Amino acid sequence: REAARLMAGKQLGIALDQPIWPLAGQLQAILGAIALDEGNLSEALAAYELALTHLQRDPARADWRPEEVGILMQQANILLAQDRYIEAHAKYVLIQEICEQNPSFAAFQSHATNNLGVLFMRLEDHEVASNYFREAQGLFDELDLEYNSLICSYNLAEIAARQSLDSLALAGYSRVAQQMAELEQWGDYVNCHTAISRIHRLNGRYDLALLYLEIGLEVLESDL
């Protein structure tokens, strides 16, 4: 990783001296990715901001490019991870606005919409969060991104659980668990059963709580 950082930094200096702005932007984005992998969110955020600046200096640039929208998404995700909700919200909304003008950016739009749901779920604004998850789910379905669509269903079940709508939450978790098993996404399958167990435990149904935990443990201990 350190070797990659040094090489990217050296090449970045050359690209800036030329200047070759698209290359400089890509190299700066690599430095941002390295910082992100290391968990240095502030350094990554700064590097991505420079990357975006370099890319937008390209004289041939006419409109938003996929790599630029990808950088915006990384910035928004970092801001969300830092609990900087106002700034993260602004970035996600900007991504949505850009994507509405360019249908080829539909994947970015779906993820930005989903992450707005995550943002408002953290703020405990369940109604707004649910609306974003449903919208994101529709977008994921249009793109045939079944796994991402199921994550929206899981989050909707989670919101129901937080609102003590236990029947709705249990039904939601159970549906997601079944479909995650079909996709062989066993980690998410276990998460659903853990969530179901939690609801039963909170309601004093300890036998059922234990049963669903044991189902999850069996999967973890298997070769799946």
Protein backbone atom coordinates (compact mmCIF):
# COMPACT_ATOMS: atom_id res chain seq x y z
CA ARG A 1 0.00 0.00 0.00
CA GLU A 2 2.81 2.41 0.86
CA ALA A 3 4.53 1.61 -2.44
CA ALA A 4 1.29 2.36 -4.29
CA ARG A 5 0.97 5.65 -2.42
CA LEU A 6 4.52 6.69 -3.30
CA MET A 7 4.11 5.73 -6.96
CA ALA A 8 0.77 7.52 -7.27
CA GLY A 9 2.21 10.60 -5.56
CA LYS A 10 5.20 10.67 -7.93
CA GLN A 11 3.03 10.27 -11.02
CA LEU A 12 0.63 12.90 -9.70
CA GLY A 13 3.46 15.41 -9.53
CA ILE A 14 4.29 14.74 -13.18
CA ALA A 15 0.63 15.01 -14.22
CA LEU A 16 0.27 18.35 -12.42
CA ASP A 17 3.45 19.72 -14.00
CA GLN A 18 2.28 18.93 -17.53
CA PRO A 19 -0.66 19.61 -16.66
CA ILE A 20 -2.76 16.57 -17.58
CA TRP A 21 -5.88 17.14 -15.51
CA PRO A 22 -7.79 13.88 -16.16
CA LEU A 23 -4.73 11.84 -15.16
CA ALA A 24 -4.11 14.07 -12.14
CA GLY A 25 -7.69 13.55 -11.02
CA GLN A 26 -7.48 9.79 -11.35
CA LEU A 27 -4.18 9.62 -9.45
CA GLN A 28 -5.54 11.85 -6.69
CA ALA A 29 -8.58 9.58 -6.45
CA ILE A 30 -6.25 6.60 -5.98
CA LEU A 31 -4.63 8.42 -3.06
CA GLY A 32 -8.11 9.00 -1.66
CA ALA A 33 -8.94 5.29 -1.98
CA ILE A 34 -5.73 4.32 -0.19
CA ALA A 35 -6.50 6.71 2.66
CA LEU A 36 -10.05 5.33 2.85
CA ASP A 37 -8.76 1.75 3.02
CA GLU A 38 -6.56 2.81 5.93
CA GLY A 39 -9.54 4.32 7.74
CA ASN A 40 -8.24 7.88 7.45
CA LEU A 41 -11.54 9.48 6.54
CA SER A 42 -10.44 13.11 6.76
CA GLU A 43 -7.44 12.51 4.52
CA ALA A 44 -9.57 10.56 2.06
CA LEU A 45 -12.20 13.32 1.95
CA ALA A 46 -9.54 15.95 1.21
CA ALA A 47 -7.93 13.79 -1.47
CA TYR A 48 -11.27 13.19 -3.20
CA GLU A 49 -12.00 16.92 -3.18
CA LEU A 50 -8.69 17.57 -4.94
CA ALA A 51 -9.42 14.75 -7.39
CA LEU A 52 -12.74 16.34 -8.30
CA THR A 53 -11.08 19.73 -8.72
CA HIS A 54 -8.44 18.29 -11.08
CA LEU A 55 -11.00 16.43 -13.18
CA GLN A 56 -13.15 19.51 -13.56
CA ARG A 57 -10.18 21.53 -14.84
CA ASP A 58 -10.01 19.39 -17.97
CA PRO A 59 -10.56 21.77 -20.94
CA ALA A 60 -12.39 18.98 -22.78
CA ARG A 61 -14.91 18.57 -19.98
CA ALA A 62 -18.47 19.42 -21.00
CA ASP A 63 -20.59 17.78 -18.33
CA TRP A 64 -20.49 15.45 -15.34
CA ARG A 65 -18.57 12.23 -15.97
CA PRO A 66 -19.08 8.87 -14.22
CA GLU A 67 -15.77 9.09 -12.33
CA GLU A 68 -16.77 12.51 -10.97
CA VAL A 69 -20.14 11.26 -9.74
CA GLY A 70 -18.34 8.28 -8.20
CA ILE A 71 -16.09 10.65 -6.28
CA LEU A 72 -19.12 12.62 -5.09
CA MET A 73 -20.58 9.35 -3.81
CA GLN A 74 -17.38 8.52 -1.94
CA GLN A 75 -17.40 11.97 -0.36
CA ALA A 76 -21.04 11.65 0.68
CA ASN A 77 -20.43 8.20 2.17
CA ILE A 78 -17.47 9.50 4.16
CA LEU A 79 -19.50 12.43 5.47
CA LEU A 80 -22.26 10.00 6.48
CA ALA A 81 -19.70 7.83 8.28
CA GLN A 82 -18.51 10.94 10.12
CA ASP A 83 -22.11 11.77 11.17
CA ARG A 84 -21.92 15.02 9.20
CA TYR A 85 -25.51 14.64 8.13
CA ILE A 86 -26.19 18.08 6.64
CA GLU A 87 -23.14 17.89 4.36
CA ALA A 88 -23.81 14.28 3.43
CA HIS A 89 -27.42 15.11 2.61
CA ALA A 90 -26.33 17.94 0.31
CA LYS A 91 -23.94 15.62 -1.58
CA TYR A 92 -26.54 12.88 -2.03
CA VAL A 93 -29.13 15.38 -3.26
CA LEU A 94 -26.58 16.79 -5.72
CA ILE A 95 -25.94 13.26 -7.02
CA GLN A 96 -29.67 12.75 -7.47
CA GLU A 97 -29.98 16.00 -9.40
CA ILE A 98 -27.08 15.09 -11.67
CA CYS A 99 -28.47 11.61 -12.29
CA GLU A 100 -31.92 12.88 -13.16
CA GLN A 101 -30.33 14.63 -16.14
CA ASN A 102 -28.41 11.53 -17.24
CA PRO A 103 -30.17 8.14 -17.34
CA SER A 104 -26.83 6.32 -17.65
CA PHE A 105 -26.12 7.29 -14.03
CA ALA A 106 -29.10 5.30 -12.72
CA ALA A 107 -26.92 3.10 -10.51
CA PHE A 108 -25.51 6.15 -8.73
CA GLN A 109 -29.02 7.51 -8.25
CA SER A 110 -30.27 4.29 -6.68
CA HIS A 111 -27.39 4.13 -4.19
CA ALA A 112 -27.66 7.82 -3.32
CA THR A 113 -31.39 7.37 -2.66
CA ASN A 114 -30.76 4.32 -0.48
CA ASN A 115 -28.09 6.14 1.51
CA LEU A 116 -30.47 9.03 2.12
CA GLY A 117 -32.71 6.42 3.70
CA VAL A 118 -29.82 5.32 5.91
CA LEU A 119 -29.15 8.94 6.84
CA PHE A 120 -32.73 9.62 7.93
CA MET A 121 -32.96 6.27 9.70
CA ARG A 122 -29.98 7.36 11.81
CA LEU A 123 -31.83 10.61 12.53
CA GLU A 124 -34.85 8.47 13.54
CA ASP A 125 -37.07 10.16 10.97
CA HIS A 126 -38.69 6.86 10.09
CA GLU A 127 -41.29 8.16 7.65
CA VAL A 128 -38.76 9.97 5.45
CA ALA A 129 -36.31 7.06 5.69
CA SER A 130 -39.01 4.60 4.63
CA ASN A 131 -39.94 6.73 1.63
CA TYR A 132 -36.32 6.82 0.48
CA PHE A 133 -35.91 3.05 0.93
CA ARG A 134 -39.04 2.36 -1.11
CA GLU A 135 -37.89 4.74 -3.84
CA ALA A 136 -34.42 3.17 -3.87
CA GLN A 137 -35.94 -0.30 -4.00
CA GLY A 138 -37.90 0.63 -7.12
CA LEU A 139 -34.72 1.93 -8.73
CA PHE A 140 -32.77 -1.21 -7.78
CA ASP A 141 -35.56 -3.38 -9.18
CA GLU A 142 -35.40 -1.52 -12.50
CA LEU A 143 -31.68 -2.27 -12.63
CA ASP A 144 -32.20 -5.95 -11.64
CA LEU A 145 -30.05 -5.43 -8.54
CA GLU A 146 -31.87 -7.97 -6.41
CA TYR A 147 -29.42 -7.99 -3.51
CA ASN A 148 -29.56 -4.21 -3.10
CA SER A 149 -33.34 -4.32 -3.31
CA LEU A 150 -33.38 -6.88 -0.49
CA ILE A 151 -31.21 -4.63 1.66
CA CYS A 152 -33.94 -1.98 1.29
CA SER A 153 -36.49 -4.56 2.45
CA TYR A 154 -34.29 -5.38 5.43
CA ASN A 155 -34.06 -1.70 6.36
CA LEU A 156 -37.83 -1.32 6.09
CA ALA A 157 -38.22 -4.28 8.45
CA GLU A 158 -35.71 -2.66 10.78
CA ILE A 159 -37.75 0.56 10.83
CA ALA A 160 -40.89 -1.45 11.61
CA ALA A 161 -39.05 -3.11 14.50
CA ARG A 162 -37.94 0.25 15.86
CA GLN A 163 -41.55 1.40 15.76
CA SER A 164 -42.62 -1.74 17.68
CA LEU A 165 -44.59 -2.99 14.68
CA ASP A 166 -43.49 -6.50 15.47
CA SER A 167 -45.72 -8.46 13.10
CA LEU A 168 -44.68 -6.30 10.16
CA ALA A 169 -41.02 -6.51 11.14
CA LEU A 170 -41.08 -10.30 11.58
CA ALA A 171 -42.77 -10.79 8.23
CA GLY A 172 -40.24 -8.50 6.56
CA TYR A 173 -37.18 -10.16 8.10
CA SER A 174 -38.55 -13.63 7.24
CA ARG A 175 -39.09 -12.72 3.57
CA VAL A 176 -35.61 -11.23 3.30
CA ALA A 177 -34.05 -14.27 5.01
CA GLN A 178 -35.70 -16.63 2.53
CA GLN A 179 -34.56 -14.61 -0.47
CA MET A 180 -31.04 -14.14 0.91
CA ALA A 181 -30.81 -17.93 1.24
CA GLU A 182 -31.79 -18.26 -2.42
CA LEU A 183 -28.98 -15.85 -3.29
CA GLU A 184 -26.62 -17.72 -0.94
CA GLN A 185 -25.96 -14.51 0.97
CA TRP A 186 -25.53 -16.32 4.25
CA GLY A 187 -24.20 -13.42 6.31
CA ASP A 188 -27.36 -11.44 5.58
CA TYR A 189 -29.44 -14.57 6.21
CA VAL A 190 -27.92 -14.83 9.68
CA ASN A 191 -28.50 -11.11 10.31
CA CYS A 192 -32.20 -11.58 9.59
CA HIS A 193 -32.47 -14.45 12.05
CA THR A 194 -30.58 -12.46 14.67
CA ALA A 195 -33.07 -9.60 14.21
CA ILE A 196 -36.01 -12.00 14.49
CA SER A 197 -34.50 -13.49 17.67
CA ARG A 198 -34.16 -10.00 19.15
CA ILE A 199 -37.86 -9.27 18.66
CA HIS A 200 -38.87 -12.55 20.31
CA ARG A 201 -36.47 -11.94 23.21
CA LEU A 202 -37.82 -8.45 23.85
CA ASN A 203 -41.32 -9.93 23.97
CA GLY A 204 -40.35 -12.66 26.43
CA ARG A 205 -40.57 -15.49 23.88
CA TYR A 206 -37.22 -16.93 24.90
CA ASP A 207 -37.68 -20.35 23.30
CA LEU A 208 -38.27 -18.75 19.91
CA ALA A 209 -35.44 -16.29 20.48
CA LEU A 210 -33.07 -19.18 21.16
CA LEU A 211 -34.38 -21.15 18.18
CA TYR A 212 -33.62 -18.38 15.68
CA LEU A 213 -30.17 -17.80 17.18
CA GLU A 214 -29.45 -21.52 16.81
CA ILE A 215 -30.51 -21.40 13.16
CA GLY A 216 -28.02 -18.60 12.60
CA LEU A 217 -25.27 -20.45 14.47
CA GLU A 218 -25.84 -23.58 12.39
CA VAL A 219 -25.26 -21.58 9.23
CA LEU A 220 -22.12 -19.95 10.64
CA GLU A 221 -20.74 -23.35 11.65
CA SER A 222 -21.52 -24.96 8.29
CA ASP A 223 -19.37 -24.91 5.16
CA LEU A 224 -21.77 -22.60 3.30
